[in-house]
Amino acid sequence: MIYQLGLIALLILIALIVSKQLNKKDTLVFEDDMEDEELKKIDDEML
């Protein structure tokens, strides 16, 4: 019984870690929030 509860807790922990990792990738930064230096760096990389 305790073994099964431990496995369920482990699966929940793994699911939480995976969901946090997926949410980090969807973070968007808009141009208005960027500094001039960052915008220039991105423009230089595109050329």
PDB file of N, CA and C in Angstrom:
ATOM      1  N   MET A   1       0.822  -1.189   0.000  1.00  0.00           N
ATOM      2  CA  MET A   1       0.000   0.000   0.000  1.00  0.00           C
ATOM      3  C   MET A   1       0.874   1.265   0.000  1.00  0.00           C
ATOM      4  N   ILE A   2       1.859   1.317   0.877  1.00  0.00           N
ATOM      5  CA  ILE A   2       2.749   2.481   0.936  1.00  0.00           C
ATOM      6  C   ILE A   2       3.574   2.578  -0.351  1.00  0.00           C
ATOM      7  N   TYR A   3       3.924   1.427  -0.908  1.00  0.00           N
ATOM      8  CA  TYR A   3       4.670   1.376  -2.161  1.00  0.00           C
ATOM      9  C   TYR A   3       3.863   2.041  -3.282  1.00  0.00           C
ATOM     10  N   GLN A   4       2.576   1.745  -3.344  1.00  0.00           N
ATOM     11  CA  GLN A   4       1.718   2.330  -4.377  1.00  0.00           C
ATOM     12  C   GLN A   4       1.563   3.841  -4.187  1.00  0.00           C
ATOM     13  N   LEU A   5       1.427   4.280  -2.952  1.00  0.00           N
ATOM     14  CA  LEU A   5       1.321   5.709  -2.688  1.00  0.00           C
ATOM     15  C   LEU A   5       2.618   6.421  -3.070  1.00  0.00           C
ATOM     16  N   GLY A   6       3.748   5.806  -2.823  1.00  0.00           N
ATOM     17  CA  GLY A   6       5.039   6.373  -3.205  1.00  0.00           C
ATOM     18  C   GLY A   6       5.163   6.513  -4.710  1.00  0.00           C
ATOM     19  N   LEU A   7       4.707   5.505  -5.444  1.00  0.00           N
ATOM     20  CA  LEU A   7       4.754   5.575  -6.910  1.00  0.00           C
ATOM     21  C   LEU A   7       3.846   6.682  -7.445  1.00  0.00           C
ATOM     22  N   ILE A   8       2.670   6.818  -6.868  1.00  0.00           N
ATOM     23  CA  ILE A   8       1.746   7.864  -7.297  1.00  0.00           C
ATOM     24  C   ILE A   8       2.344   9.242  -7.018  1.00  0.00           C
ATOM     25  N   ALA A   9       2.949   9.418  -5.842  1.00  0.00           N
ATOM     26  CA  ALA A   9       3.580  10.686  -5.500  1.00  0.00           C
ATOM     27  C   ALA A   9       4.736  10.987  -6.449  1.00  0.00           C
ATOM     28  N   LEU A  10       5.504   9.979  -6.810  1.00  0.00           N
ATOM     29  CA  LEU A  10       6.615  10.160  -7.736  1.00  0.00           C
ATOM     30  C   LEU A  10       6.105  10.572  -9.115  1.00  0.00           C
ATOM     31  N   LEU A  11       5.043   9.960  -9.585  1.00  0.00           N
ATOM     32  CA  LEU A  11       4.476  10.314 -10.888  1.00  0.00           C
ATOM     33  C   LEU A  11       3.948  11.751 -10.889  1.00  0.00           C
ATOM     34  N   ILE A  12       3.323  12.159  -9.797  1.00  0.00           N
ATOM     35  CA  ILE A  12       2.829  13.532  -9.702  1.00  0.00           C
ATOM     36  C   ILE A  12       3.991  14.516  -9.726  1.00  0.00           C
ATOM     37  N   LEU A  13       5.063  14.198  -9.009  1.00  0.00           N
ATOM     38  CA  LEU A  13       6.242  15.057  -8.988  1.00  0.00           C
ATOM     39  C   LEU A  13       6.851  15.187 -10.375  1.00  0.00           C
ATOM     40  N   ILE A  14       6.971  14.090 -11.085  1.00  0.00           N
ATOM     41  CA  ILE A  14       7.519  14.113 -12.454  1.00  0.00           C
ATOM     42  C   ILE A  14       6.627  14.952 -13.368  1.00  0.00           C
ATOM     43  N   ALA A  15       5.305  14.808 -13.232  1.00  0.00           N
ATOM     44  CA  ALA A  15       4.377  15.581 -14.062  1.00  0.00           C
ATOM     45  C   ALA A  15       4.507  17.077 -13.787  1.00  0.00           C
ATOM     46  N   LEU A  16       4.687  17.462 -12.525  1.00  0.00           N
ATOM     47  CA  LEU A  16       4.858  18.877 -12.193  1.00  0.00           C
ATOM     48  C   LEU A  16       6.143  19.437 -12.787  1.00  0.00           C
ATOM     49  N   ILE A  17       7.218  18.676 -12.722  1.00  0.00           N
ATOM     50  CA  ILE A  17       8.499  19.127 -13.272  1.00  0.00           C
ATOM     51  C   ILE A  17       8.398  19.298 -14.777  1.00  0.00           C
ATOM     52  N   VAL A  18       7.773  18.344 -15.454  1.00  0.00           N
ATOM     53  CA  VAL A  18       7.631  18.420 -16.909  1.00  0.00           C
ATOM     54  C   VAL A  18       6.761  19.610 -17.298  1.00  0.00           C
ATOM     55  N   SER A  19       5.693  19.845 -16.573  1.00  0.00           N
ATOM     56  CA  SER A  19       4.810  20.966 -16.919  1.00  0.00           C
ATOM     57  C   SER A  19       5.512  22.301 -16.730  1.00  0.00           C
ATOM     58  N   LYS A  20       6.363  22.422 -15.719  1.00  0.00           N
ATOM     59  CA  LYS A  20       7.121  23.667 -15.523  1.00  0.00           C
ATOM     60  C   LYS A  20       8.087  23.889 -16.675  1.00  0.00           C
ATOM     61  N   GLN A  21       8.730  22.820 -17.149  1.00  0.00           N
ATOM     62  CA  GLN A  21       9.665  22.945 -18.254  1.00  0.00           C
ATOM     63  C   GLN A  21       8.951  23.372 -19.530  1.00  0.00           C
ATOM     64  N   LEU A  22       7.761  22.850 -19.761  1.00  0.00           N
ATOM     65  CA  LEU A  22       7.012  23.210 -20.960  1.00  0.00           C
ATOM     66  C   LEU A  22       6.533  24.652 -20.899  1.00  0.00           C
ATOM     67  N   ASN A  23       6.179  25.137 -19.739  1.00  0.00           N
ATOM     68  CA  ASN A  23       5.709  26.510 -19.604  1.00  0.00           C
ATOM     69  C   ASN A  23       6.825  27.516 -19.807  1.00  0.00           C
ATOM     70  N   LYS A  24       8.043  27.162 -19.494  1.00  0.00           N
ATOM     71  CA  LYS A  24       9.167  28.081 -19.668  1.00  0.00           C
ATOM     72  C   LYS A  24       9.419  28.372 -21.143  1.00  0.00           C
ATOM     73  N   LYS A  25       9.187  27.416 -22.005  1.00  0.00           N
ATOM     74  CA  LYS A  25       9.454  27.590 -23.430  1.00  0.00           C
ATOM     75  C   LYS A  25       8.474  28.547 -24.088  1.00  0.00           C
ATOM     76  N   ASP A  26       7.294  28.730 -23.528  1.00  0.00           N
ATOM     77  CA  ASP A  26       6.266  29.560 -24.140  1.00  0.00           C
ATOM     78  C   ASP A  26       6.318  31.015 -23.696  1.00  0.00           C
ATOM     79  N   THR A  27       7.358  31.392 -22.992  1.00  0.00           N
ATOM     80  CA  THR A  27       7.468  32.764 -22.504  1.00  0.00           C
ATOM     81  C   THR A  27       7.850  33.684 -23.658  1.00  0.00           C
ATOM     82  N   LEU A  28       7.036  34.710 -23.900  1.00  0.00           N
ATOM     83  CA  LEU A  28       7.290  35.648 -24.980  1.00  0.00           C
ATOM     84  C   LEU A  28       7.780  36.976 -24.411  1.00  0.00           C
ATOM     85  N   VAL A  29       8.724  37.586 -25.134  1.00  0.00           N
ATOM     86  CA  VAL A  29       9.217  38.913 -24.754  1.00  0.00           C
ATOM     87  C   VAL A  29       8.887  39.849 -25.913  1.00  0.00           C
ATOM     88  N   PHE A  30       8.161  40.898 -25.640  1.00  0.00           N
ATOM     89  CA  PHE A  30       7.772  41.833 -26.681  1.00  0.00           C
ATOM     90  C   PHE A  30       8.824  42.917 -26.855  1.00  0.00           C
ATOM     91  N   GLU A  31       8.830  43.531 -28.037  1.00  0.00           N
ATOM     92  CA  GLU A  31       9.833  44.554 -28.335  1.00  0.00           C
ATOM     93  C   GLU A  31       9.754  45.717 -27.359  1.00  0.00           C
ATOM     94  N   ASP A  32       8.565  46.043 -26.912  1.00  0.00           N
ATOM     95  CA  ASP A  32       8.411  47.168 -25.983  1.00  0.00           C
ATOM     96  C   ASP A  32       9.118  46.913 -24.660  1.00  0.00           C
ATOM     97  N   ASP A  33       9.267  45.647 -24.289  1.00  0.00           N
ATOM     98  CA  ASP A  33       9.907  45.297 -23.025  1.00  0.00           C
ATOM     99  C   ASP A  33      11.423  45.164 -23.142  1.00  0.00           C
ATOM    100  N   MET A  34      11.947  45.224 -24.365  1.00  0.00           N
ATOM    101  CA  MET A  34      13.382  45.044 -24.578  1.00  0.00           C
ATOM    102  C   MET A  34      14.107  46.386 -24.537  1.00  0.00           C
ATOM    103  N   GLU A  35      15.381  46.302 -24.205  1.00  0.00           N
ATOM    104  CA  GLU A  35      16.222  47.491 -24.230  1.00  0.00           C
ATOM    105  C   GLU A  35      16.766  47.696 -25.639  1.00  0.00           C
ATOM    106  N   ASP A  36      17.257  48.897 -25.911  1.00  0.00           N
ATOM    107  CA  ASP A  36      17.776  49.218 -27.242  1.00  0.00           C
ATOM    108  C   ASP A  36      18.936  48.311 -27.639  1.00  0.00           C
ATOM    109  N   GLU A  37      19.795  47.988 -26.674  1.00  0.00           N
ATOM    110  CA  GLU A  37      20.946  47.133 -26.973  1.00  0.00           C
ATOM    111  C   GLU A  37      20.507  45.741 -27.410  1.00  0.00           C
ATOM    112  N   GLU A  38      19.480  45.214 -26.762  1.00  0.00           N
ATOM    113  CA  GLU A  38      18.976  43.895 -27.129  1.00  0.00           C
ATOM    114  C   GLU A  38      18.394  43.907 -28.540  1.00  0.00           C
ATOM    115  N   LEU A  39      17.657  44.954 -28.874  1.00  0.00           N
ATOM    116  CA  LEU A  39      17.073  45.063 -30.214  1.00  0.00           C
ATOM    117  C   LEU A  39      18.154  45.167 -31.282  1.00  0.00           C
ATOM    118  N   LYS A  40      19.203  45.948 -31.001  1.00  0.00           N
ATOM    119  CA  LYS A  40      20.302  46.076 -31.959  1.00  0.00           C
ATOM    120  C   LYS A  40      21.011  44.736 -32.153  1.00  0.00           C
ATOM    121  N   LYS A  41      21.198  43.992 -31.068  1.00  0.00           N
ATOM    122  CA  LYS A  41      21.861  42.687 -31.149  1.00  0.00           C
ATOM    123  C   LYS A  41      21.064  41.728 -32.018  1.00  0.00           C
ATOM    124  N   ILE A  42      19.751  41.716 -31.841  1.00  0.00           N
ATOM    125  CA  ILE A  42      18.895  40.843 -32.655  1.00  0.00           C
ATOM    126  C   ILE A  42      18.945  41.262 -34.126  1.00  0.00           C
ATOM    127  N   ASP A  43      18.904  42.581 -34.380  1.00  0.00           N
ATOM    128  CA  ASP A  43      18.978  43.067 -35.759  1.00  0.00           C
ATOM    129  C   ASP A  43      20.295  42.664 -36.409  1.00  0.00           C
ATOM    130  N   ASP A  44      21.403  42.755 -35.668  1.00  0.00           N
ATOM    131  CA  ASP A  44      22.703  42.381 -36.200  1.00  0.00           C
ATOM    132  C   ASP A  44      22.779  40.887 -36.505  1.00  0.00           C
ATOM    133  N   GLU A  45      22.136  40.083 -35.686  1.00  0.00           N
ATOM    134  CA  GLU A  45      22.154  38.633 -35.910  1.00  0.00           C
ATOM    135  C   GLU A  45      21.356  38.262 -37.159  1.00  0.00           C
ATOM    136  N   MET A  46      20.335  39.037 -37.493  1.00  0.00           N
ATOM    137  CA  MET A  46      19.508  38.739 -38.656  1.00  0.00           C
ATOM    138  C   MET A  46      20.226  39.053 -39.959  1.00  0.00           C
ATOM    139  N   LEU A  47      21.145  39.983 -39.932  1.00  0.00           N
ATOM    140  CA  LEU A  47      21.842  40.397 -41.168  1.00  0.00           C
ATOM    141  C   LEU A  47      22.919  39.470 -41.565  1.00  0.00           C
TER     142      LEU A  47
END
